[in-house]
């Protein structure tokens, strides 16, 4: 029976490269001269420190630009709340979201069932498996899911016929 998996995976090497490029740009930009701004990649999160609220937003914009250039969707970032840091600075923690959460998985399965195509969708850990008797139905599902925004970056892998 033909099937494929819907997943949400992020290439951590590309995120590391984007963070390093953003760090270099922040060090070189004139509007950041003389202020303390940092961007660091931790295991599954990015910590950003800005000299003030404006600089924090500017650092985030630089990071998003570098991610887009490296073909990593900014949808994989989950921004925490801004909190004050020492010296009048602002700090923000940005989690890197990987995998399809149960809530998003349920929303994807419901959307697939609402298409009324003869396919079965089931949540398997952090992915959604879709199977059908005809590959054409699977391809229609892929197009339909691509057309809807679930708030996370989705990839379609393991197409089996």
N, C-alpha and C. Protein backbone atom coordinates (compact mmCIF):
# COMPACT_ATOMS: atom_id res chain seq x y z
N UNK A 1 0.84 -1.18 0.00
CA UNK A 1 0.00 0.00 0.00
C UNK A 1 0.90 1.25 0.00
N UNK A 2 0.74 2.14 -0.98
CA UNK A 2 1.58 3.35 -1.05
C UNK A 2 1.38 4.24 0.19
N UNK A 3 2.50 4.85 0.63
CA UNK A 3 2.41 5.74 1.78
C UNK A 3 3.56 6.75 1.75
N UNK A 4 3.44 7.78 2.60
CA UNK A 4 4.52 8.73 2.82
C UNK A 4 4.38 9.28 4.23
N UNK A 5 5.43 9.95 4.70
CA UNK A 5 5.42 10.52 6.04
C UNK A 5 5.50 12.04 5.95
N UNK A 6 4.76 12.71 6.84
CA UNK A 6 4.84 14.16 6.98
C UNK A 6 5.65 14.42 8.25
N UNK A 7 6.78 15.10 8.11
CA UNK A 7 7.66 15.37 9.24
C UNK A 7 8.01 16.85 9.29
N UNK A 8 8.61 17.25 10.39
CA UNK A 8 9.13 18.61 10.52
C UNK A 8 10.52 18.48 11.10
N UNK A 9 11.50 18.49 10.23
CA UNK A 9 12.90 18.35 10.65
C UNK A 9 13.68 19.59 10.25
N UNK A 10 14.69 19.90 11.05
CA UNK A 10 15.53 21.07 10.81
C UNK A 10 16.97 20.60 10.72
N UNK A 11 17.70 21.12 9.74
CA UNK A 11 19.11 20.80 9.60
C UNK A 11 19.90 21.66 10.59
N UNK A 12 20.35 21.05 11.69
CA UNK A 12 21.03 21.80 12.75
C UNK A 12 22.35 22.40 12.26
N UNK A 13 23.00 21.77 11.30
CA UNK A 13 24.24 22.33 10.77
C UNK A 13 23.96 23.66 10.06
N UNK A 14 22.85 23.73 9.34
CA UNK A 14 22.50 24.98 8.67
C UNK A 14 22.15 26.06 9.69
N UNK A 15 21.49 25.68 10.79
CA UNK A 15 21.19 26.66 11.84
C UNK A 15 22.49 27.15 12.47
N UNK A 16 23.43 26.24 12.72
CA UNK A 16 24.72 26.64 13.28
C UNK A 16 25.43 27.61 12.34
N UNK A 17 25.42 27.32 11.04
CA UNK A 17 26.04 28.20 10.06
C UNK A 17 25.37 29.58 10.05
N UNK A 18 24.03 29.60 10.11
CA UNK A 18 23.30 30.86 10.11
C UNK A 18 23.61 31.68 11.35
N UNK A 19 23.71 31.03 12.51
CA UNK A 19 24.03 31.74 13.76
C UNK A 19 25.43 32.33 13.66
N UNK A 20 26.39 31.56 13.13
CA UNK A 20 27.76 32.08 12.98
C UNK A 20 27.81 33.26 12.02
N UNK A 21 27.07 33.18 10.91
CA UNK A 21 27.03 34.30 9.97
C UNK A 21 26.39 35.53 10.61
N UNK A 22 25.32 35.32 11.37
CA UNK A 22 24.65 36.44 12.05
C UNK A 22 25.60 37.07 13.06
N UNK A 23 26.34 36.25 13.79
CA UNK A 23 27.30 36.76 14.77
C UNK A 23 28.34 37.64 14.09
N UNK A 24 28.86 37.19 12.93
CA UNK A 24 29.85 37.98 12.20
C UNK A 24 29.27 39.30 11.73
N UNK A 25 28.03 39.26 11.21
CA UNK A 25 27.42 40.50 10.73
C UNK A 25 27.19 41.48 11.87
N UNK A 26 26.77 40.98 13.02
CA UNK A 26 26.52 41.84 14.19
C UNK A 26 27.82 42.49 14.64
N UNK A 27 28.92 41.73 14.59
CA UNK A 27 30.22 42.29 14.99
C UNK A 27 30.68 43.39 14.04
N UNK A 28 30.26 43.34 12.77
CA UNK A 28 30.75 44.27 11.78
C UNK A 28 29.83 45.46 11.52
N UNK A 29 28.55 45.36 11.87
CA UNK A 29 27.61 46.43 11.52
C UNK A 29 27.82 47.67 12.36
N UNK A 30 27.69 48.81 11.69
CA UNK A 30 27.92 50.10 12.33
C UNK A 30 26.91 50.38 13.44
N UNK A 31 25.65 50.03 13.24
CA UNK A 31 24.63 50.34 14.24
C UNK A 31 24.76 49.50 15.50
N UNK A 32 25.62 48.47 15.49
CA UNK A 32 25.86 47.67 16.68
C UNK A 32 27.17 48.03 17.38
N UNK A 33 27.95 48.96 16.80
CA UNK A 33 29.25 49.31 17.37
C UNK A 33 29.08 49.92 18.77
N UNK A 34 29.93 49.50 19.69
CA UNK A 34 29.93 50.06 21.03
C UNK A 34 28.84 49.53 21.94
N UNK A 35 28.07 48.54 21.49
CA UNK A 35 27.03 47.95 22.32
C UNK A 35 27.30 46.46 22.46
N UNK A 36 26.75 45.86 23.49
CA UNK A 36 26.97 44.44 23.75
C UNK A 36 25.77 43.65 23.23
N UNK A 37 25.98 42.90 22.15
CA UNK A 37 24.94 42.05 21.55
C UNK A 37 25.54 40.67 21.33
N UNK A 38 24.77 39.64 21.66
CA UNK A 38 25.25 38.27 21.51
C UNK A 38 24.18 37.40 20.88
N UNK A 39 24.66 36.37 20.19
CA UNK A 39 23.76 35.33 19.70
C UNK A 39 24.50 34.01 19.83
N UNK A 40 23.91 33.06 20.55
CA UNK A 40 24.58 31.79 20.82
C UNK A 40 23.64 30.63 20.56
N UNK A 41 24.18 29.58 19.95
CA UNK A 41 23.42 28.36 19.70
C UNK A 41 23.71 27.39 20.84
N UNK A 42 22.64 26.96 21.52
CA UNK A 42 22.76 25.93 22.53
C UNK A 42 22.19 24.66 21.93
N UNK A 43 22.00 23.61 22.70
CA UNK A 43 21.57 22.32 22.16
C UNK A 43 20.37 22.42 21.23
N UNK A 44 19.24 22.86 21.75
CA UNK A 44 18.03 22.94 20.94
C UNK A 44 17.40 24.32 21.03
N UNK A 45 18.23 25.33 21.27
CA UNK A 45 17.72 26.69 21.39
C UNK A 45 18.81 27.69 21.01
N UNK A 46 18.39 28.91 20.77
CA UNK A 46 19.29 30.01 20.48
C UNK A 46 19.03 31.08 21.52
N UNK A 47 20.09 31.55 22.18
CA UNK A 47 19.91 32.64 23.14
C UNK A 47 20.42 33.93 22.50
N UNK A 48 19.62 34.96 22.60
CA UNK A 48 19.94 36.25 21.97
C UNK A 48 19.95 37.31 23.06
N UNK A 49 21.01 38.10 23.08
CA UNK A 49 21.14 39.19 24.03
C UNK A 49 21.32 40.47 23.22
N UNK A 50 20.48 41.46 23.50
CA UNK A 50 20.58 42.75 22.83
C UNK A 50 20.81 43.85 23.84
N UNK A 51 21.52 44.90 23.40
CA UNK A 51 21.82 46.02 24.30
C UNK A 51 20.55 46.71 24.76
N UNK A 52 19.52 46.69 23.91
CA UNK A 52 18.20 47.23 24.27
C UNK A 52 17.16 46.52 23.41
N UNK A 53 15.91 46.91 23.56
CA UNK A 53 14.82 46.23 22.85
C UNK A 53 14.99 46.36 21.33
N UNK A 54 15.37 47.54 20.88
CA UNK A 54 15.56 47.78 19.44
C UNK A 54 16.68 46.89 18.89
N UNK A 55 17.79 46.82 19.61
CA UNK A 55 18.93 46.01 19.15
C UNK A 55 18.58 44.52 19.16
N UNK A 56 17.79 44.09 20.14
CA UNK A 56 17.35 42.69 20.19
C UNK A 56 16.53 42.35 18.95
N UNK A 57 15.60 43.23 18.59
CA UNK A 57 14.79 43.00 17.38
C UNK A 57 15.67 42.99 16.13
N UNK A 58 16.68 43.86 16.09
CA UNK A 58 17.58 43.91 14.93
C UNK A 58 18.40 42.62 14.83
N UNK A 59 18.85 42.08 15.95
CA UNK A 59 19.60 40.83 15.94
C UNK A 59 18.71 39.69 15.44
N UNK A 60 17.45 39.68 15.88
CA UNK A 60 16.51 38.65 15.43
C UNK A 60 16.28 38.75 13.92
N UNK A 61 16.15 39.98 13.41
CA UNK A 61 15.98 40.17 11.97
C UNK A 61 17.19 39.66 11.19
N UNK A 62 18.39 39.93 11.70
CA UNK A 62 19.61 39.44 11.05
C UNK A 62 19.59 37.91 11.03
N UNK A 63 19.25 37.29 12.17
CA UNK A 63 19.20 35.82 12.25
C UNK A 63 18.20 35.25 11.26
N UNK A 64 17.00 35.83 11.21
CA UNK A 64 15.98 35.32 10.28
C UNK A 64 16.46 35.42 8.84
N UNK A 65 17.10 36.53 8.49
CA UNK A 65 17.64 36.70 7.13
C UNK A 65 18.66 35.64 6.80
N UNK A 66 19.54 35.34 7.74
CA UNK A 66 20.57 34.32 7.51
C UNK A 66 19.95 32.93 7.38
N UNK A 67 18.91 32.64 8.17
CA UNK A 67 18.23 31.35 8.07
C UNK A 67 17.57 31.18 6.71
N UNK A 68 16.88 32.23 6.26
CA UNK A 68 16.19 32.16 4.96
C UNK A 68 17.20 31.93 3.84
N UNK A 69 18.35 32.62 3.91
CA UNK A 69 19.37 32.44 2.89
C UNK A 69 19.91 31.01 2.85
N UNK A 70 19.86 30.32 3.98
CA UNK A 70 20.36 28.95 4.06
C UNK A 70 19.22 27.93 3.91
N UNK A 71 18.08 28.37 3.41
CA UNK A 71 16.91 27.52 3.16
C UNK A 71 16.38 26.84 4.42
N UNK A 72 16.41 27.56 5.54
CA UNK A 72 15.81 27.09 6.79
C UNK A 72 14.66 28.04 7.09
N UNK A 73 13.47 27.48 7.23
CA UNK A 73 12.30 28.32 7.47
C UNK A 73 12.32 28.91 8.88
N UNK A 74 12.02 30.21 9.02
CA UNK A 74 11.92 30.80 10.35
C UNK A 74 10.76 30.22 11.17
N UNK A 75 9.88 29.43 10.53
CA UNK A 75 8.79 28.78 11.25
C UNK A 75 9.30 27.78 12.28
N UNK A 76 10.55 27.35 12.13
CA UNK A 76 11.10 26.38 13.08
C UNK A 76 11.52 27.05 14.39
N UNK A 77 11.40 28.37 14.47
CA UNK A 77 11.80 29.09 15.67
C UNK A 77 10.57 29.40 16.53
N UNK A 78 10.67 29.11 17.81
CA UNK A 78 9.61 29.41 18.77
C UNK A 78 10.17 30.44 19.75
N UNK A 79 9.75 31.69 19.59
CA UNK A 79 10.30 32.79 20.38
C UNK A 79 9.69 32.83 21.77
N UNK A 80 10.56 32.81 22.77
CA UNK A 80 10.13 32.95 24.15
C UNK A 80 9.87 34.43 24.44
N UNK A 81 9.52 34.73 25.69
CA UNK A 81 9.24 36.13 26.00
C UNK A 81 10.55 36.86 26.26
N UNK A 82 10.52 38.16 25.97
CA UNK A 82 11.69 39.01 26.21
C UNK A 82 11.80 39.25 27.71
N UNK A 83 13.02 39.20 28.20
CA UNK A 83 13.22 39.46 29.62
C UNK A 83 14.42 40.39 29.79
N UNK A 84 14.39 41.21 30.83
CA UNK A 84 15.50 42.14 31.04
C UNK A 84 16.78 41.39 31.43
N UNK A 85 17.92 41.93 30.99
CA UNK A 85 19.22 41.37 31.33
C UNK A 85 20.04 42.44 32.03
N UNK A 86 21.20 42.08 32.51
CA UNK A 86 22.02 43.04 33.23
C UNK A 86 22.48 44.17 32.30
N UNK A 87 22.70 45.33 32.88
CA UNK A 87 23.17 46.48 32.11
C UNK A 87 22.12 47.09 31.21
N UNK A 88 20.85 46.88 31.52
CA UNK A 88 19.78 47.46 30.71
C UNK A 88 19.50 46.72 29.42
N UNK A 89 20.14 45.58 29.21
CA UNK A 89 19.93 44.82 27.99
C UNK A 89 18.65 43.99 28.03
N UNK A 90 18.37 43.35 26.91
CA UNK A 90 17.21 42.48 26.81
C UNK A 90 17.69 41.11 26.32
N UNK A 91 17.06 40.06 26.84
CA UNK A 91 17.43 38.70 26.48
C UNK A 91 16.19 37.97 25.99
N UNK A 92 16.39 37.10 25.00
CA UNK A 92 15.28 36.28 24.52
C UNK A 92 15.81 34.91 24.16
N UNK A 93 15.08 33.89 24.55
CA UNK A 93 15.44 32.51 24.22
C UNK A 93 14.52 32.05 23.09
N UNK A 94 15.13 31.44 22.10
CA UNK A 94 14.40 30.99 20.92
C UNK A 94 14.58 29.48 20.81
N UNK A 95 13.50 28.74 21.01
CA UNK A 95 13.55 27.28 20.90
C UNK A 95 13.50 26.87 19.42
N UNK A 96 14.22 25.81 19.10
CA UNK A 96 14.20 25.26 17.74
C UNK A 96 13.22 24.09 17.74
N UNK A 97 12.15 24.23 16.98
CA UNK A 97 11.07 23.24 16.98
C UNK A 97 11.35 22.18 15.93
N UNK A 98 11.39 20.93 16.38
CA UNK A 98 11.54 19.81 15.47
C UNK A 98 10.47 18.78 15.78
N UNK A 99 10.00 18.13 14.76
CA UNK A 99 8.97 17.10 14.94
C UNK A 99 7.58 17.72 14.90
N UNK A 100 6.61 16.89 14.58
CA UNK A 100 5.22 17.31 14.54
C UNK A 100 4.63 17.03 15.92
N UNK A 101 4.22 18.09 16.63
CA UNK A 101 3.63 17.89 17.95
C UNK A 101 2.29 17.18 17.81
N UNK A 102 1.78 16.64 18.92
CA UNK A 102 0.51 15.91 18.89
C UNK A 102 -0.62 16.81 18.42
N UNK A 103 -0.64 18.07 18.90
CA UNK A 103 -1.72 18.99 18.50
C UNK A 103 -1.66 19.28 17.00
N UNK A 104 -0.43 19.55 16.50
CA UNK A 104 -0.29 19.82 15.05
C UNK A 104 -0.63 18.56 14.26
N UNK A 105 -0.22 17.40 14.78
CA UNK A 105 -0.53 16.13 14.10
C UNK A 105 -2.02 15.91 13.99
N UNK A 106 -2.75 16.21 15.09
CA UNK A 106 -4.21 16.07 15.05
C UNK A 106 -4.82 17.03 14.04
N UNK A 107 -4.29 18.25 13.97
CA UNK A 107 -4.81 19.23 13.01
C UNK A 107 -4.55 18.77 11.57
N UNK A 108 -3.38 18.19 11.32
CA UNK A 108 -3.05 17.70 9.98
C UNK A 108 -3.95 16.52 9.62
N UNK A 109 -4.14 15.58 10.56
CA UNK A 109 -5.00 14.41 10.29
C UNK A 109 -6.43 14.87 10.02
N UNK A 110 -6.94 15.81 10.82
CA UNK A 110 -8.30 16.32 10.61
C UNK A 110 -8.42 16.98 9.24
N UNK A 111 -7.41 17.78 8.87
CA UNK A 111 -7.43 18.43 7.55
C UNK A 111 -7.45 17.39 6.43
N UNK A 112 -6.64 16.34 6.58
CA UNK A 112 -6.58 15.29 5.55
C UNK A 112 -7.93 14.57 5.45
N UNK A 113 -8.55 14.28 6.60
CA UNK A 113 -9.86 13.61 6.57
C UNK A 113 -10.93 14.50 5.96
N UNK A 114 -10.81 15.82 6.17
CA UNK A 114 -11.78 16.76 5.60
C UNK A 114 -11.69 16.87 4.08
N UNK A 115 -10.58 16.40 3.48
CA UNK A 115 -10.47 16.45 2.02
C UNK A 115 -11.35 15.42 1.34
N UNK A 116 -11.85 14.44 2.11
CA UNK A 116 -12.75 13.38 1.61
C UNK A 116 -12.09 12.47 0.57
N UNK A 117 -10.75 12.45 0.52
CA UNK A 117 -10.05 11.49 -0.34
C UNK A 117 -9.93 10.17 0.41
N UNK A 118 -9.78 9.09 -0.34
CA UNK A 118 -9.70 7.77 0.28
C UNK A 118 -8.27 7.50 0.73
N UNK A 119 -7.90 8.14 1.84
CA UNK A 119 -6.58 7.95 2.43
C UNK A 119 -6.73 7.75 3.93
N UNK A 120 -5.71 7.11 4.52
CA UNK A 120 -5.68 6.95 5.97
C UNK A 120 -4.48 7.75 6.48
N UNK A 121 -4.71 8.51 7.55
CA UNK A 121 -3.64 9.27 8.17
C UNK A 121 -3.57 8.89 9.64
N UNK A 122 -2.36 8.67 10.13
CA UNK A 122 -2.21 8.33 11.54
C UNK A 122 -0.95 9.00 12.09
N UNK A 123 -1.03 9.36 13.37
CA UNK A 123 0.09 10.01 14.05
C UNK A 123 1.01 8.92 14.57
N UNK A 124 2.29 9.02 14.24
CA UNK A 124 3.29 8.07 14.71
C UNK A 124 4.43 8.87 15.34
N UNK A 125 4.45 8.94 16.69
CA UNK A 125 5.43 9.70 17.45
C UNK A 125 5.45 11.15 17.00
N UNK A 126 6.51 11.59 16.29
CA UNK A 126 6.59 13.00 15.89
C UNK A 126 6.42 13.17 14.38
N UNK A 127 5.63 12.29 13.77
CA UNK A 127 5.34 12.41 12.35
C UNK A 127 3.94 11.88 12.06
N UNK A 128 3.46 12.16 10.85
CA UNK A 128 2.15 11.68 10.42
C UNK A 128 2.36 10.81 9.19
N UNK A 129 1.85 9.58 9.24
CA UNK A 129 1.96 8.68 8.09
C UNK A 129 0.63 8.69 7.35
N UNK A 130 0.70 8.84 6.03
CA UNK A 130 -0.48 8.86 5.18
C UNK A 130 -0.35 7.72 4.19
N UNK A 131 -1.40 6.90 4.09
CA UNK A 131 -1.37 5.78 3.14
C UNK A 131 -2.68 5.75 2.36
N UNK A 132 -2.60 5.19 1.16
CA UNK A 132 -3.77 5.11 0.28
C UNK A 132 -3.55 3.99 -0.72
N UNK A 133 -4.62 3.63 -1.43
CA UNK A 133 -4.50 2.58 -2.44
C UNK A 133 -3.92 3.14 -3.74
N UNK A 134 -4.14 4.45 -3.99
CA UNK A 134 -3.66 5.05 -5.24
C UNK A 134 -2.64 6.16 -4.92
N UNK A 135 -1.55 6.15 -5.67
CA UNK A 135 -0.52 7.19 -5.48
C UNK A 135 -1.07 8.57 -5.83
N UNK A 136 -1.99 8.64 -6.78
CA UNK A 136 -2.57 9.93 -7.16
C UNK A 136 -3.25 10.60 -5.97
N UNK A 137 -3.92 9.82 -5.13
CA UNK A 137 -4.55 10.39 -3.93
C UNK A 137 -3.49 10.96 -2.99
N UNK A 138 -2.38 10.25 -2.85
CA UNK A 138 -1.30 10.73 -1.98
C UNK A 138 -0.73 12.05 -2.51
N UNK A 139 -0.58 12.14 -3.83
CA UNK A 139 -0.04 13.37 -4.41
C UNK A 139 -1.01 14.53 -4.22
N UNK A 140 -2.30 14.25 -4.29
CA UNK A 140 -3.30 15.30 -4.03
C UNK A 140 -3.22 15.77 -2.58
N UNK A 141 -3.01 14.83 -1.65
CA UNK A 141 -2.89 15.17 -0.23
C UNK A 141 -1.65 16.05 -0.01
N UNK A 142 -0.54 15.69 -0.65
CA UNK A 142 0.68 16.49 -0.51
C UNK A 142 0.42 17.93 -0.95
N UNK A 143 -0.23 18.09 -2.10
CA UNK A 143 -0.52 19.44 -2.59
C UNK A 143 -1.46 20.19 -1.66
N UNK A 144 -2.46 19.49 -1.13
CA UNK A 144 -3.41 20.14 -0.23
C UNK A 144 -2.73 20.58 1.07
N UNK A 145 -1.88 19.71 1.63
CA UNK A 145 -1.20 20.04 2.88
C UNK A 145 -0.19 21.17 2.66
N UNK A 146 0.49 21.17 1.50
CA UNK A 146 1.42 22.26 1.18
C UNK A 146 0.69 23.59 1.10
N UNK A 147 -0.56 23.57 0.64
CA UNK A 147 -1.34 24.80 0.48
C UNK A 147 -1.88 25.36 1.78
N UNK A 148 -1.86 24.58 2.85
CA UNK A 148 -2.38 25.05 4.14
C UNK A 148 -1.22 25.31 5.09
N UNK A 149 -1.33 26.38 5.86
CA UNK A 149 -0.28 26.74 6.82
C UNK A 149 -0.63 26.19 8.20
N UNK A 150 0.19 25.27 8.69
CA UNK A 150 -0.01 24.69 10.02
C UNK A 150 0.89 25.34 11.06
N UNK A 151 1.64 26.36 10.67
CA UNK A 151 2.50 27.07 11.61
C UNK A 151 3.87 26.44 11.80
N UNK A 152 4.12 25.33 11.13
CA UNK A 152 5.44 24.70 11.19
C UNK A 152 5.87 24.34 9.77
N UNK A 153 7.15 24.19 9.58
CA UNK A 153 7.68 23.79 8.29
C UNK A 153 7.52 22.28 8.14
N UNK A 154 6.89 21.84 7.06
CA UNK A 154 6.63 20.41 6.86
C UNK A 154 7.44 19.88 5.67
N UNK A 155 7.92 18.64 5.81
CA UNK A 155 8.56 17.95 4.71
C UNK A 155 7.82 16.63 4.48
N UNK A 156 7.86 16.17 3.25
CA UNK A 156 7.19 14.94 2.86
C UNK A 156 8.26 13.94 2.45
N UNK A 157 8.40 12.85 3.23
CA UNK A 157 9.51 11.92 3.00
C UNK A 157 8.98 10.49 2.92
N UNK A 158 9.89 9.58 2.56
CA UNK A 158 9.62 8.13 2.54
C UNK A 158 8.42 7.76 1.67
N UNK A 159 8.33 8.32 0.48
CA UNK A 159 7.24 7.97 -0.43
C UNK A 159 7.48 6.53 -0.90
N UNK A 160 6.54 5.66 -0.58
CA UNK A 160 6.65 4.24 -0.96
C UNK A 160 5.47 3.89 -1.84
N UNK A 161 5.79 3.10 -2.87
CA UNK A 161 4.66 2.70 -3.75
C UNK A 161 4.47 1.21 -3.73
